[in-house]
């Protein structure tokens, strides 16, 4: 069965607005920041959210996006892969996640974990490479095309971070 459709526009009225904490980009750390917040640098203000897994059903990431939807430039940080080890889950980024973010004009930073705690058969407390995330935020600061164009460009360049993604070795 094929289902086709055409989206002609997105209209919404936001309710239940959350007050977001504001951080200066100079002092920003994606790992210690809340799931949704604001960052500013010079004259720019961005909304930023982070996902703990690329799987959309594991941590309710759409709530994090919803909290930032009222800001004109929205960024979300998604791990391309999350591997929790032999006794944990291994989740991968899905194309429809990127499609939804592009539809909402959210700039996606495909990130990777650079540090974690090793438990007996699992890894936990995974941390993003903060320097990488900040470098991407600075790129977005100077990027004036849509979230869709950014996301397509980043998907084409995803292989550059593939070697930085460390899968748990059994």
Foldseek 3Di string as FASTA:
>chain_A
DDDDDDDPDDDDDAPPADAAAEEELVPDFLLPGPQWHWYDYDPDIEIEGEDPALDCPPPPSVVNVSNRLVDPAYEYEHAQWDAFFDPDDIGGHDPVVLVVCQNSQYAYDHWAFQDWDDDDGTTHSTGTPRVSVSVVVVVVVPDDDTSNVNSVVCVVVVVVCVVVHDHHDD
